Amino acid sequence: MSQQRRAPNTPPPAAQMMQQMVYGFWVSRCLQIMAQLGIADIIGDTPRTVEELAQASGTHAPSLRRMLRLLSGLGVMRKDEQSECWSLTELGGMLRKDNPGSVYGSLMAHGHLLSWQAWGDLVSSLKTGQPSVEKFMGDTFFGYMSTHPEDAAIFNGSMAAYQTLNAPAVVSAYDFSSAKRIMDVGGGTGTLMAHILNAHPAAAGAIFEMPHVAKEARARLSGLGLAERCEVFEGDFFQRIPPGQDVYILSQILHDWDDEKSLRILTNIREAMHADSRLLIVETVLPGDNAMHFGNLYDVAMLVLVGGQERTEAEYSALVSKAGLKVSRILPTSMPPSVVEVVPA
């Protein structure tokens, strides 16, 4: 069997596998503990000695130093040899809660015991096609979160932080200027809608959400000064969606559901659309096999957590066609999700 020639100074395959893949979860765990202990926020803009960090975080200084050394080798931390103080690199700054690009919420959510248990039992999902996390929750993901507000706050915080990065990317990638009425179906507390309305002062917005989320959305939109421009509707997108919008948006919604439930949502939107309406599906579009893509990771995460999936362009085309719709075009953004523009067939 012929072997591909490795580039000079490239570690042998076994070393690459061990260093970059087998031990990868050790690194993510260290970052999760950094977030849990608030070490990045303790440092902030002021370098600290390991003794100061240990005292503030309630840890054992010599042991903490070993973890910081590991992270410094990965470009997350930097130690000043003269002062013996540790600071954050630009990469490490992403761990701070107050950083606009913070990954703190994602680390807290995916470092949660339930997430570790779900991934630890991945084989169950591979054998059954069902989300493994339900074994540990004793309920569906969304059912469990509706009765466990503290856990829900952690996972919702992760989604909110992710949407904060996605929203400006979507607004930059798609031209909303011709739309007078725009509805974000399952739009949460209005992060994406607020970005759209601020960029297009002539547009009127609407959010369609479950009653408990709708209450939060009204309060947030009011605080942003957008209450008069954005109506909030209450309901269930599996039942009916209000008609009359120029643009409907499903942002990070369909990947939560299998094809059967996704088709129900799409069918309800098709019934609400008029002849010139557009539907924007904001999701990661998988490139297919043999390609490294963030969406492939998220696809397996959807399997173990909620039983949903990410999809390829062909899979989206096939899915929406069953609802009497067709993909018009797909616009990439600066973030992993793309904007899949869908129109009546």
C-alpha atoms as a PDB file:
ATOM      1  CA  MET A   1       0.000   0.000   0.000  1.00  0.00           C
ATOM      2  CA  SER A   2       1.435   3.379  -0.976  1.00  0.00           C
ATOM      3  CA  GLN A   3       1.726   6.048   1.702  1.00  0.00           C
ATOM      4  CA  GLN A   4       1.351   9.788   1.250  1.00  0.00           C
ATOM      5  CA  ARG A   5       4.579  11.684   1.846  1.00  0.00           C
ATOM      6  CA  ARG A   6       4.458  13.883   4.958  1.00  0.00           C
ATOM      7  CA  ALA A   7       5.609  17.479   4.919  1.00  0.00           C
ATOM      8  CA  PRO A   8       8.966  18.149   6.612  1.00  0.00           C
ATOM      9  CA  ASN A   9       8.812  18.440  10.418  1.00  0.00           C
ATOM     10  CA  THR A  10       5.301  16.977  10.456  1.00  0.00           C
ATOM     11  CA  PRO A  11       4.837  14.565  13.387  1.00  0.00           C
ATOM     12  CA  PRO A  12       4.122  10.945  12.456  1.00  0.00           C
ATOM     13  CA  PRO A  13       0.425   9.980  12.257  1.00  0.00           C
ATOM     14  CA  ALA A  14       0.373   8.356  15.705  1.00  0.00           C
ATOM     15  CA  ALA A  15       1.788  11.496  17.319  1.00  0.00           C
ATOM     16  CA  GLN A  16      -0.663  13.748  15.450  1.00  0.00           C
ATOM     17  CA  MET A  17      -3.558  11.556  16.511  1.00  0.00           C
ATOM     18  CA  MET A  18      -2.487  11.521  20.157  1.00  0.00           C
ATOM     19  CA  GLN A  19      -1.590  15.193  20.494  1.00  0.00           C
ATOM     20  CA  GLN A  20      -4.348  16.755  18.404  1.00  0.00           C
ATOM     21  CA  MET A  21      -7.273  14.351  18.807  1.00  0.00           C
ATOM     22  CA  VAL A  22      -7.024  11.700  21.522  1.00  0.00           C
ATOM     23  CA  TYR A  23      -6.086  14.199  24.217  1.00  0.00           C
ATOM     24  CA  GLY A  24      -8.204  17.026  22.849  1.00  0.00           C
ATOM     25  CA  PHE A  25     -10.830  16.792  25.562  1.00  0.00           C
ATOM     26  CA  TRP A  26      -8.150  17.377  28.211  1.00  0.00           C
ATOM     27  CA  VAL A  27      -7.583  20.835  26.742  1.00  0.00           C
ATOM     28  CA  SER A  28     -11.286  21.660  26.564  1.00  0.00           C
ATOM     29  CA  ARG A  29     -11.685  20.552  30.169  1.00  0.00           C
ATOM     30  CA  CYS A  30      -8.920  22.912  31.302  1.00  0.00           C
ATOM     31  CA  LEU A  31     -10.618  25.779  29.470  1.00  0.00           C
ATOM     32  CA  GLN A  32     -13.952  24.861  31.037  1.00  0.00           C
ATOM     33  CA  ILE A  33     -12.420  24.948  34.517  1.00  0.00           C
ATOM     34  CA  MET A  34     -10.850  28.315  33.698  1.00  0.00           C
ATOM     35  CA  ALA A  35     -14.352  29.579  32.960  1.00  0.00           C
ATOM     36  CA  GLN A  36     -15.931  27.867  35.967  1.00  0.00           C
ATOM     37  CA  LEU A  37     -13.374  29.355  38.370  1.00  0.00           C
ATOM     38  CA  GLY A  38     -13.519  32.755  36.672  1.00  0.00           C
ATOM     39  CA  ILE A  39      -9.737  32.913  36.354  1.00  0.00           C
ATOM     40  CA  ALA A  40      -9.784  34.986  33.145  1.00  0.00           C
ATOM     41  CA  ASP A  41     -12.048  37.535  34.827  1.00  0.00           C
ATOM     42  CA  ILE A  42      -9.814  37.619  37.902  1.00  0.00           C
ATOM     43  CA  ILE A  43      -6.861  38.502  35.665  1.00  0.00           C
ATOM     44  CA  GLY A  44      -8.769  40.936  33.474  1.00  0.00           C
ATOM     45  CA  ASP A  45      -6.298  43.550  32.262  1.00  0.00           C
ATOM     46  CA  THR A  46      -3.986  43.159  35.266  1.00  0.00           C
ATOM     47  CA  PRO A  47      -1.378  40.357  35.257  1.00  0.00           C
ATOM     48  CA  ARG A  48      -1.434  38.268  38.443  1.00  0.00           C
ATOM     49  CA  THR A  49       0.912  35.871  40.191  1.00  0.00           C
ATOM     50  CA  VAL A  50      -0.198  32.281  40.477  1.00  0.00           C
ATOM     51  CA  GLU A  51      -0.495  32.757  44.244  1.00  0.00           C
ATOM     52  CA  GLU A  52      -2.937  35.641  43.731  1.00  0.00           C
ATOM     53  CA  LEU A  53      -4.957  33.619  41.262  1.00  0.00           C
ATOM     54  CA  ALA A  54      -5.023  30.585  43.535  1.00  0.00           C
ATOM     55  CA  GLN A  55      -6.196  32.640  46.514  1.00  0.00           C
ATOM     56  CA  ALA A  56      -8.931  34.325  44.485  1.00  0.00           C
ATOM     57  CA  SER A  57     -10.131  31.067  42.896  1.00  0.00           C
ATOM     58  CA  GLY A  58      -9.769  28.804  45.913  1.00  0.00           C
ATOM     59  CA  THR A  59      -7.232  26.519  44.240  1.00  0.00           C
ATOM     60  CA  HIS A  60      -3.850  24.966  45.082  1.00  0.00           C
ATOM     61  CA  ALA A  61      -1.200  27.294  43.645  1.00  0.00           C
ATOM     62  CA  PRO A  62       1.347  24.673  42.509  1.00  0.00           C
ATOM     63  CA  SER A  63      -1.388  22.653  40.777  1.00  0.00           C
ATOM     64  CA  LEU A  64      -2.950  25.733  39.191  1.00  0.00           C
ATOM     65  CA  ARG A  65       0.475  26.725  37.857  1.00  0.00           C
ATOM     66  CA  ARG A  66       0.698  23.418  36.007  1.00  0.00           C
ATOM     67  CA  MET A  67      -2.591  24.039  34.244  1.00  0.00           C
ATOM     68  CA  LEU A  68      -1.582  27.600  33.364  1.00  0.00           C
ATOM     69  CA  ARG A  69       1.683  26.269  31.924  1.00  0.00           C
ATOM     70  CA  LEU A  70      -0.293  23.895  29.703  1.00  0.00           C
ATOM     71  CA  LEU A  71      -2.508  26.722  28.477  1.00  0.00           C
ATOM     72  CA  SER A  72       0.446  29.052  27.934  1.00  0.00           C
ATOM     73  CA  GLY A  73       1.893  26.498  25.519  1.00  0.00           C
ATOM     74  CA  LEU A  74      -1.383  26.679  23.583  1.00  0.00           C
ATOM     75  CA  GLY A  75      -1.289  30.470  23.312  1.00  0.00           C
ATOM     76  CA  VAL A  76      -4.048  31.133  25.863  1.00  0.00           C
ATOM     77  CA  MET A  77      -1.847  32.486  28.675  1.00  0.00           C
ATOM     78  CA  ARG A  78       1.490  34.271  28.884  1.00  0.00           C
ATOM     79  CA  LYS A  79       3.896  34.370  31.813  1.00  0.00           C
ATOM     80  CA  ASP A  80       6.300  37.251  32.374  1.00  0.00           C
ATOM     81  CA  GLU A  81       9.509  35.637  33.599  1.00  0.00           C
ATOM     82  CA  GLN A  82      10.650  38.751  35.475  1.00  0.00           C
ATOM     83  CA  SER A  83       7.493  39.560  37.386  1.00  0.00           C
ATOM     84  CA  GLU A  84       6.282  35.936  37.570  1.00  0.00           C
ATOM     85  CA  CYS A  85       2.831  37.262  36.616  1.00  0.00           C
ATOM     86  CA  TRP A  86       0.355  35.603  34.288  1.00  0.00           C
ATOM     87  CA  SER A  87      -1.694  37.502  31.719  1.00  0.00           C
ATOM     88  CA  LEU A  88      -4.173  36.645  28.986  1.00  0.00           C
ATOM     89  CA  THR A  89      -3.265  36.593  25.324  1.00  0.00           C
ATOM     90  CA  GLU A  90      -5.744  37.857  22.736  1.00  0.00           C
ATOM     91  CA  LEU A  91      -6.941  34.262  22.446  1.00  0.00           C
ATOM     92  CA  GLY A  92      -7.232  33.908  26.211  1.00  0.00           C
ATOM     93  CA  GLY A  93      -9.257  37.103  26.344  1.00  0.00           C
ATOM     94  CA  MET A  94     -12.097  35.147  24.736  1.00  0.00           C
ATOM     95  CA  LEU A  95     -12.575  33.469  28.145  1.00  0.00           C
ATOM     96  CA  ARG A  96     -13.589  36.734  29.810  1.00  0.00           C
ATOM     97  CA  LYS A  97     -17.296  37.256  30.437  1.00  0.00           C
ATOM     98  CA  ASP A  98     -17.086  40.923  29.416  1.00  0.00           C
ATOM     99  CA  ASN A  99     -15.463  40.255  26.038  1.00  0.00           C
ATOM    100  CA  PRO A 100     -17.878  40.794  23.108  1.00  0.00           C
ATOM    101  CA  GLY A 101     -16.539  37.630  21.489  1.00  0.00           C
ATOM    102  CA  SER A 102     -16.544  35.634  24.727  1.00  0.00           C
ATOM    103  CA  VAL A 103     -16.731  31.831  24.627  1.00  0.00           C
ATOM    104  CA  TYR A 104     -17.484  31.754  28.359  1.00  0.00           C
ATOM    105  CA  GLY A 105     -21.113  30.731  27.823  1.00  0.00           C
ATOM    106  CA  SER A 106     -20.172  27.897  25.479  1.00  0.00           C
ATOM    107  CA  LEU A 107     -17.555  26.587  27.899  1.00  0.00           C
ATOM    108  CA  MET A 108     -20.032  26.621  30.781  1.00  0.00           C
ATOM    109  CA  ALA A 109     -22.709  24.843  28.724  1.00  0.00           C
ATOM    110  CA  HIS A 110     -20.480  22.202  27.167  1.00  0.00           C
ATOM    111  CA  GLY A 111     -18.592  21.703  30.408  1.00  0.00           C
ATOM    112  CA  HIS A 112     -21.897  20.957  32.149  1.00  0.00           C
ATOM    113  CA  LEU A 113     -22.172  17.431  33.566  1.00  0.00           C
ATOM    114  CA  LEU A 114     -25.157  16.685  31.326  1.00  0.00           C
ATOM    115  CA  SER A 115     -23.151  17.509  28.213  1.00  0.00           C
ATOM    116  CA  TRP A 116     -20.248  15.322  29.346  1.00  0.00           C
ATOM    117  CA  GLN A 117     -22.634  12.465  30.122  1.00  0.00           C
ATOM    118  CA  ALA A 118     -24.316  12.773  26.720  1.00  0.00           C
ATOM    119  CA  TRP A 119     -21.015  12.683  24.814  1.00  0.00           C
ATOM    120  CA  GLY A 120     -19.754   9.916  27.082  1.00  0.00           C
ATOM    121  CA  ASP A 121     -22.675   7.773  25.921  1.00  0.00           C
ATOM    122  CA  LEU A 122     -22.379   8.681  22.233  1.00  0.00           C
ATOM    123  CA  VAL A 123     -22.464   4.988  21.352  1.00  0.00           C
ATOM    124  CA  SER A 124     -26.076   4.866  22.565  1.00  0.00           C
ATOM    125  CA  SER A 125     -27.072   7.529  20.040  1.00  0.00           C
ATOM    126  CA  LEU A 126     -25.169   5.752  17.282  1.00  0.00           C
ATOM    127  CA  LYS A 127     -27.062   2.545  18.003  1.00  0.00           C
ATOM    128  CA  THR A 128     -30.527   4.031  18.488  1.00  0.00           C
ATOM    129  CA  GLY A 129     -30.540   7.349  16.624  1.00  0.00           C
ATOM    130  CA  GLN A 130     -31.921   8.950  19.790  1.00  0.00           C
ATOM    131  CA  PRO A 131     -30.324  11.689  21.941  1.00  0.00           C
ATOM    132  CA  SER A 132     -28.262  10.024  24.654  1.00  0.00           C
ATOM    133  CA  VAL A 133     -28.750  12.933  27.066  1.00  0.00           C
ATOM    134  CA  GLU A 134     -32.369  11.864  27.645  1.00  0.00           C
ATOM    135  CA  LYS A 135     -31.092   8.873  29.644  1.00  0.00           C
ATOM    136  CA  PHE A 136     -29.551  11.256  32.166  1.00  0.00           C
ATOM    137  CA  MET A 137     -32.275  13.921  32.087  1.00  0.00           C
ATOM    138  CA  GLY A 138     -35.187  11.521  32.265  1.00  0.00           C
ATOM    139  CA  ASP A 139     -36.912  13.772  29.742  1.00  0.00           C
ATOM    140  CA  THR A 140     -36.335  15.430  26.382  1.00  0.00           C
ATOM    141  CA  PHE A 141     -33.760  18.219  26.336  1.00  0.00           C
ATOM    142  CA  PHE A 142     -36.377  20.958  26.013  1.00  0.00           C
ATOM    143  CA  GLY A 143     -38.718  19.284  28.489  1.00  0.00           C
ATOM    144  CA  TYR A 144     -35.952  19.073  31.080  1.00  0.00           C
ATOM    145  CA  MET A 145     -34.884  22.667  30.557  1.00  0.00           C
ATOM    146  CA  SER A 146     -38.458  23.904  31.054  1.00  0.00           C
ATOM    147  CA  THR A 147     -38.415  22.508  34.618  1.00  0.00           C
ATOM    148  CA  HIS A 148     -34.773  23.202  35.555  1.00  0.00           C
ATOM    149  CA  PRO A 149     -34.285  26.977  35.238  1.00  0.00           C
ATOM    150  CA  GLU A 150     -30.712  27.024  36.568  1.00  0.00           C
ATOM    151  CA  ASP A 151     -29.502  24.527  33.978  1.00  0.00           C
ATOM    152  CA  ALA A 152     -31.589  26.258  31.307  1.00  0.00           C
ATOM    153  CA  ALA A 153     -29.911  29.582  32.121  1.00  0.00           C
ATOM    154  CA  ILE A 154     -26.488  28.039  31.445  1.00  0.00           C
ATOM    155  CA  PHE A 155     -27.475  26.576  28.082  1.00  0.00           C
ATOM    156  CA  ASN A 156     -29.497  29.655  27.069  1.00  0.00           C
ATOM    157  CA  GLY A 157     -26.517  31.825  27.931  1.00  0.00           C
ATOM    158  CA  SER A 158     -24.428  29.830  25.501  1.00  0.00           C
ATOM    159  CA  MET A 159     -26.990  30.266  22.721  1.00  0.00           C
ATOM    160  CA  ALA A 160     -27.380  33.983  23.433  1.00  0.00           C
ATOM    161  CA  ALA A 161     -23.632  34.539  23.223  1.00  0.00           C
ATOM    162  CA  TYR A 162     -23.472  32.611  19.963  1.00  0.00           C
ATOM    163  CA  GLN A 163     -26.365  34.610  18.522  1.00  0.00           C
ATOM    164  CA  THR A 164     -24.642  37.850  19.499  1.00  0.00           C
ATOM    165  CA  LEU A 165     -21.836  36.881  17.110  1.00  0.00           C
ATOM    166  CA  ASN A 166     -24.148  35.478  14.437  1.00  0.00           C
ATOM    167  CA  ALA A 167     -26.570  38.409  14.266  1.00  0.00           C
ATOM    168  CA  PRO A 168     -24.231  41.059  12.793  1.00  0.00           C
ATOM    169  CA  ALA A 169     -22.831  38.442  10.405  1.00  0.00           C
ATOM    170  CA  VAL A 170     -26.346  37.705   9.094  1.00  0.00           C
ATOM    171  CA  VAL A 171     -27.182  41.399   8.701  1.00  0.00           C
ATOM    172  CA  SER A 172     -23.955  41.944   6.768  1.00  0.00           C
ATOM    173  CA  ALA A 173     -24.560  38.969   4.484  1.00  0.00           C
ATOM    174  CA  TYR A 174     -28.225  39.521   3.585  1.00  0.00           C
ATOM    175  CA  ASP A 175     -29.977  42.591   2.169  1.00  0.00           C
ATOM    176  CA  PHE A 176     -33.180  43.226   4.142  1.00  0.00           C
ATOM    177  CA  SER A 177     -33.784  46.670   2.618  1.00  0.00           C
ATOM    178  CA  SER A 178     -36.773  45.629   0.488  1.00  0.00           C
ATOM    179  CA  ALA A 179     -38.624  43.976   3.391  1.00  0.00           C
ATOM    180  CA  LYS A 180     -41.265  45.995   5.235  1.00  0.00           C
ATOM    181  CA  ARG A 181     -42.335  43.263   7.656  1.00  0.00           C
ATOM    182  CA  ILE A 182     -39.906  40.721   9.097  1.00  0.00           C
ATOM    183  CA  MET A 183     -40.726  37.939  11.561  1.00  0.00           C
ATOM    184  CA  ASP A 184     -38.161  35.873  13.470  1.00  0.00           C
ATOM    185  CA  VAL A 185     -39.869  32.572  14.243  1.00  0.00           C
ATOM    186  CA  GLY A 186     -38.442  31.189  17.466  1.00  0.00           C
ATOM    187  CA  GLY A 187     -36.494  34.437  17.725  1.00  0.00           C
ATOM    188  CA  GLY A 188     -35.766  34.212  21.446  1.00  0.00           C
ATOM    189  CA  THR A 189     -35.435  37.562  23.147  1.00  0.00           C
ATOM    190  CA  GLY A 190     -34.718  39.413  19.911  1.00  0.00           C
ATOM    191  CA  THR A 191     -30.951  39.509  19.443  1.00  0.00           C
ATOM    192  CA  LEU A 192     -31.089  38.983  15.675  1.00  0.00           C
ATOM    193  CA  MET A 193     -34.197  41.117  15.210  1.00  0.00           C
ATOM    194  CA  ALA A 194     -32.627  44.028  17.083  1.00  0.00           C
ATOM    195  CA  HIS A 195     -29.626  43.982  14.730  1.00  0.00           C
ATOM    196  CA  ILE A 196     -31.908  43.873  11.682  1.00  0.00           C
ATOM    197  CA  LEU A 197     -34.120  46.748  12.863  1.00  0.00           C
ATOM    198  CA  ASN A 198     -31.167  48.916  13.844  1.00  0.00           C
ATOM    199  CA  ALA A 199     -29.681  48.416  10.372  1.00  0.00           C
ATOM    200  CA  HIS A 200     -33.013  49.046   8.595  1.00  0.00           C
ATOM    201  CA  PRO A 201     -34.976  51.847  10.320  1.00  0.00           C
ATOM    202  CA  ALA A 202     -37.943  51.595   7.914  1.00  0.00           C
ATOM    203  CA  ALA A 203     -38.657  47.933   8.651  1.00  0.00           C
ATOM    204  CA  ALA A 204     -41.157  46.596  11.177  1.00  0.00           C
ATOM    205  CA  GLY A 205     -40.235  43.480  13.096  1.00  0.00           C
ATOM    206  CA  ALA A 206     -42.032  40.660  14.834  1.00  0.00           C
ATOM    207  CA  ILE A 207     -40.956  37.785  17.060  1.00  0.00           C
ATOM    208  CA  PHE A 208     -42.932  34.562  17.405  1.00  0.00           C
ATOM    209  CA  GLU A 209     -42.164  32.663  20.588  1.00  0.00           C
ATOM    210  CA  MET A 210     -43.520  30.511  23.394  1.00  0.00           C
ATOM    211  CA  PRO A 211     -45.296  32.556  26.100  1.00  0.00           C
ATOM    212  CA  HIS A 212     -42.499  32.412  28.711  1.00  0.00           C
ATOM    213  CA  VAL A 213     -39.903  33.556  26.164  1.00  0.00           C
ATOM    214  CA  ALA A 214     -42.234  36.164  24.659  1.00  0.00           C
ATOM    215  CA  LYS A 215     -42.427  37.886  28.047  1.00  0.00           C
ATOM    216  CA  GLU A 216     -38.640  38.193  28.169  1.00  0.00           C
ATOM    217  CA  ALA A 217     -38.536  39.376  24.551  1.00  0.00           C
ATOM    218  CA  ARG A 218     -40.965  42.232  25.225  1.00  0.00           C
ATOM    219  CA  ALA A 219     -38.919  43.414  28.195  1.00  0.00           C
ATOM    220  CA  ARG A 220     -35.643  43.270  26.273  1.00  0.00           C
ATOM    221  CA  LEU A 221     -36.994  45.010  23.177  1.00  0.00           C
ATOM    222  CA  SER A 222     -38.442  47.724  25.378  1.00  0.00           C
ATOM    223  CA  GLY A 223     -35.038  48.217  26.986  1.00  0.00           C
ATOM    224  CA  LEU A 224     -33.504  48.545  23.536  1.00  0.00           C
ATOM    225  CA  GLY A 225     -36.066  51.147  22.515  1.00  0.00           C
ATOM    226  CA  LEU A 226     -37.552  48.866  19.843  1.00  0.00           C
ATOM    227  CA  ALA A 227     -40.908  47.969  21.406  1.00  0.00           C
ATOM    228  CA  GLU A 228     -42.898  50.199  19.026  1.00  0.00           C
ATOM    229  CA  ARG A 229     -41.210  48.690  15.964  1.00  0.00           C
ATOM    230  CA  CYS A 230     -41.354  45.035  16.967  1.00  0.00           C
ATOM    231  CA  GLU A 231     -44.496  43.111  17.881  1.00  0.00           C
ATOM    232  CA  VAL A 232     -44.167  39.910  19.897  1.00  0.00           C
ATOM    233  CA  PHE A 233     -46.560  37.056  19.111  1.00  0.00           C
ATOM    234  CA  GLU A 234     -47.121  34.062  21.365  1.00  0.00           C
ATOM    235  CA  GLY A 235     -47.688  30.574  20.050  1.00  0.00           C
ATOM    236  CA  ASP A 236     -46.285  27.215  19.002  1.00  0.00           C
ATOM    237  CA  PHE A 237     -44.609  26.943  15.601  1.00  0.00           C
ATOM    238  CA  PHE A 238     -45.720  23.324  15.371  1.00  0.00           C
ATOM    239  CA  GLN A 239     -49.346  24.537  15.339  1.00  0.00           C
ATOM    240  CA  ARG A 240     -49.648  27.806  13.405  1.00  0.00           C
ATOM    241  CA  ILE A 241     -47.531  30.807  12.391  1.00  0.00           C
ATOM    242  CA  PRO A 242     -48.986  34.317  11.887  1.00  0.00           C
ATOM    243  CA  PRO A 243     -49.382  35.280   8.202  1.00  0.00           C
ATOM    244  CA  GLY A 244     -48.560  38.451   6.289  1.00  0.00           C
ATOM    245  CA  GLN A 245     -44.792  38.858   6.643  1.00  0.00           C
ATOM    246  CA  ASP A 246     -42.414  39.716   3.801  1.00  0.00           C
ATOM    247  CA  VAL A 247     -39.579  37.777   5.413  1.00  0.00           C
ATOM    248  CA  TYR A 248     -39.748  34.884   7.835  1.00  0.00           C
ATOM    249  CA  ILE A 249     -36.604  33.769   9.648  1.00  0.00           C
ATOM    250  CA  LEU A 250     -35.718  30.432  11.218  1.00  0.00           C
ATOM    251  CA  SER A 251     -32.379  30.998  12.921  1.00  0.00           C
ATOM    252  CA  GLN A 252     -30.789  27.996  14.648  1.00  0.00           C
ATOM    253  CA  ILE A 253     -34.202  26.302  14.821  1.00  0.00           C
ATOM    254  CA  LEU A 254     -34.349  23.482  12.275  1.00  0.00           C
ATOM    255  CA  HIS A 255     -31.131  21.891  13.493  1.00  0.00           C
ATOM    256  CA  ASP A 256     -32.943  21.124  16.768  1.00  0.00           C
ATOM    257  CA  TRP A 257     -35.416  18.807  15.031  1.00  0.00           C
ATOM    258  CA  ASP A 258     -35.537  15.738  12.815  1.00  0.00           C
ATOM    259  CA  ASP A 259     -36.953  15.934   9.290  1.00  0.00           C
ATOM    260  CA  GLU A 260     -40.509  15.095  10.353  1.00  0.00           C
ATOM    261  CA  LYS A 261     -40.780  17.900  12.904  1.00  0.00           C
ATOM    262  CA  SER A 262     -38.815  20.323  10.710  1.00  0.00           C
ATOM    263  CA  LEU A 263     -41.251  19.662   7.873  1.00  0.00           C
ATOM    264  CA  ARG A 264     -44.156  20.526  10.165  1.00  0.00           C
ATOM    265  CA  ILE A 265     -42.562  23.900  10.940  1.00  0.00           C
ATOM    266  CA  LEU A 266     -41.806  24.574   7.283  1.00  0.00           C
ATOM    267  CA  THR A 267     -45.333  23.634   6.211  1.00  0.00           C
ATOM    268  CA  ASN A 268     -46.803  26.083   8.716  1.00  0.00           C
ATOM    269  CA  ILE A 269     -44.522  28.825   7.441  1.00  0.00           C
ATOM    270  CA  ARG A 270     -45.464  28.047   3.837  1.00  0.00           C
ATOM    271  CA  GLU A 271     -49.133  28.457   4.756  1.00  0.00           C
ATOM    272  CA  ALA A 272     -48.353  31.844   6.332  1.00  0.00           C
ATOM    273  CA  MET A 273     -46.286  33.142   3.380  1.00  0.00           C
ATOM    274  CA  HIS A 274     -47.728  35.240   0.565  1.00  0.00           C
ATOM    275  CA  ALA A 275     -46.536  34.881  -3.031  1.00  0.00           C
ATOM    276  CA  ASP A 276     -43.564  37.226  -2.613  1.00  0.00           C
ATOM    277  CA  SER A 277     -42.547  36.167   0.902  1.00  0.00           C
ATOM    278  CA  ARG A 278     -39.103  34.799   1.603  1.00  0.00           C
ATOM    279  CA  LEU A 279     -37.945  32.407   4.292  1.00  0.00           C
ATOM    280  CA  LEU A 280     -34.400  32.699   5.603  1.00  0.00           C
ATOM    281  CA  ILE A 281     -33.009  29.570   7.226  1.00  0.00           C
ATOM    282  CA  VAL A 282     -29.949  30.594   9.222  1.00  0.00           C
ATOM    283  CA  GLU A 283     -28.038  27.380   9.840  1.00  0.00           C
ATOM    284  CA  THR A 284     -24.670  25.792   9.273  1.00  0.00           C
ATOM    285  CA  VAL A 285     -24.743  24.154   5.835  1.00  0.00           C
ATOM    286  CA  LEU A 286     -22.544  21.078   5.780  1.00  0.00           C
ATOM    287  CA  PRO A 287     -20.103  20.868   2.850  1.00  0.00           C
ATOM    288  CA  GLY A 288     -20.331  17.087   2.617  1.00  0.00           C
ATOM    289  CA  ASP A 289     -17.846  14.312   3.301  1.00  0.00           C
ATOM    290  CA  ASN A 290     -14.052  14.607   3.468  1.00  0.00           C
ATOM    291  CA  ALA A 291     -14.195  18.250   4.580  1.00  0.00           C
ATOM    292  CA  MET A 292     -13.218  19.759   7.912  1.00  0.00           C
ATOM    293  CA  HIS A 293     -16.097  21.982   9.008  1.00  0.00           C
ATOM    294  CA  PHE A 294     -17.419  23.268  12.329  1.00  0.00           C
ATOM    295  CA  GLY A 295     -20.872  22.074  11.331  1.00  0.00           C
ATOM    296  CA  ASN A 296     -19.754  18.450  11.471  1.00  0.00           C
ATOM    297  CA  LEU A 297     -19.040  18.842  15.188  1.00  0.00           C
ATOM    298  CA  TYR A 298     -22.361  20.557  15.786  1.00  0.00           C
ATOM    299  CA  ASP A 299     -24.148  17.866  13.801  1.00  0.00           C
ATOM    300  CA  VAL A 300     -23.061  15.162  16.253  1.00  0.00           C
ATOM    301  CA  ALA A 301     -23.839  17.488  19.167  1.00  0.00           C
ATOM    302  CA  MET A 302     -27.400  17.809  17.875  1.00  0.00           C
ATOM    303  CA  LEU A 303     -27.603  14.009  17.769  1.00  0.00           C
ATOM    304  CA  VAL A 304     -26.606  13.441  21.398  1.00  0.00           C
ATOM    305  CA  LEU A 305     -28.411  16.455  22.889  1.00  0.00           C
ATOM    306  CA  VAL A 306     -31.688  17.048  21.072  1.00  0.00           C
ATOM    307  CA  GLY A 307     -32.054  14.484  18.306  1.00  0.00           C
ATOM    308  CA  GLY A 308     -31.744  17.119  15.583  1.00  0.00           C
ATOM    309  CA  GLN A 309     -29.207  17.510  12.802  1.00  0.00           C
ATOM    310  CA  GLU A 310     -27.251  19.877  10.611  1.00  0.00           C
ATOM    311  CA  ARG A 311     -27.846  19.442   6.864  1.00  0.00           C
ATOM    312  CA  THR A 312     -26.159  19.754   3.480  1.00  0.00           C
ATOM    313  CA  GLU A 313     -27.448  21.966   0.663  1.00  0.00           C
ATOM    314  CA  ALA A 314     -29.000  18.914  -1.012  1.00  0.00           C
ATOM    315  CA  GLU A 315     -30.717  17.889   2.220  1.00  0.00           C
ATOM    316  CA  TYR A 316     -32.184  21.374   2.697  1.00  0.00           C
ATOM    317  CA  SER A 317     -33.417  21.417  -0.898  1.00  0.00           C
ATOM    318  CA  ALA A 318     -35.107  18.048  -0.486  1.00  0.00           C
ATOM    319  CA  LEU A 319     -36.631  19.008   2.872  1.00  0.00           C
ATOM    320  CA  VAL A 320     -38.118  22.370   1.860  1.00  0.00           C
ATOM    321  CA  SER A 321     -39.497  20.948  -1.394  1.00  0.00           C
ATOM    322  CA  LYS A 322     -41.800  18.712   0.638  1.00  0.00           C
ATOM    323  CA  ALA A 323     -43.339  21.888   2.100  1.00  0.00           C
ATOM    324  CA  GLY A 324     -43.929  23.493  -1.298  1.00  0.00           C
ATOM    325  CA  LEU A 325     -40.792  25.621  -1.131  1.00  0.00           C
ATOM    326  CA  LYS A 326     -37.476  25.809  -2.972  1.00  0.00           C
ATOM    327  CA  VAL A 327     -33.989  27.039  -2.159  1.00  0.00           C
ATOM    328  CA  SER A 328     -33.304  30.249  -4.063  1.00  0.00           C
ATOM    329  CA  ARG A 329     -29.695  30.805  -2.993  1.00  0.00           C
ATOM    330  CA  ILE A 330     -27.291  30.246  -0.129  1.00  0.00           C
ATOM    331  CA  LEU A 331     -25.243  33.130   1.237  1.00  0.00           C
ATOM    332  CA  PRO A 332     -22.247  32.414   3.491  1.00  0.00           C
ATOM    333  CA  THR A 333     -21.571  34.677   6.463  1.00  0.00           C
ATOM    334  CA  SER A 334     -18.433  35.456   8.423  1.00  0.00           C
ATOM    335  CA  MET A 335     -19.642  32.963  11.054  1.00  0.00           C
ATOM    336  CA  PRO A 336     -20.312  29.226  10.571  1.00  0.00           C
ATOM    337  CA  PRO A 337     -24.042  29.623   9.714  1.00  0.00           C
ATOM    338  CA  SER A 338     -25.133  30.541   6.207  1.00  0.00           C
ATOM    339  CA  VAL A 339     -28.343  32.248   5.097  1.00  0.00           C
ATOM    340  CA  VAL A 340     -30.423  29.808   3.061  1.00  0.00           C
ATOM    341  CA  GLU A 341     -32.982  31.896   1.162  1.00  0.00           C
ATOM    342  CA  VAL A 342     -36.150  29.911   0.444  1.00  0.00           C
ATOM    343  CA  VAL A 343     -39.147  30.989  -1.682  1.00  0.00           C
ATOM    344  CA  PRO A 344     -42.492  29.427  -2.641  1.00  0.00           C
ATOM    345  CA  ALA A 345     -42.046  26.735  -5.270  1.00  0.00           C
END
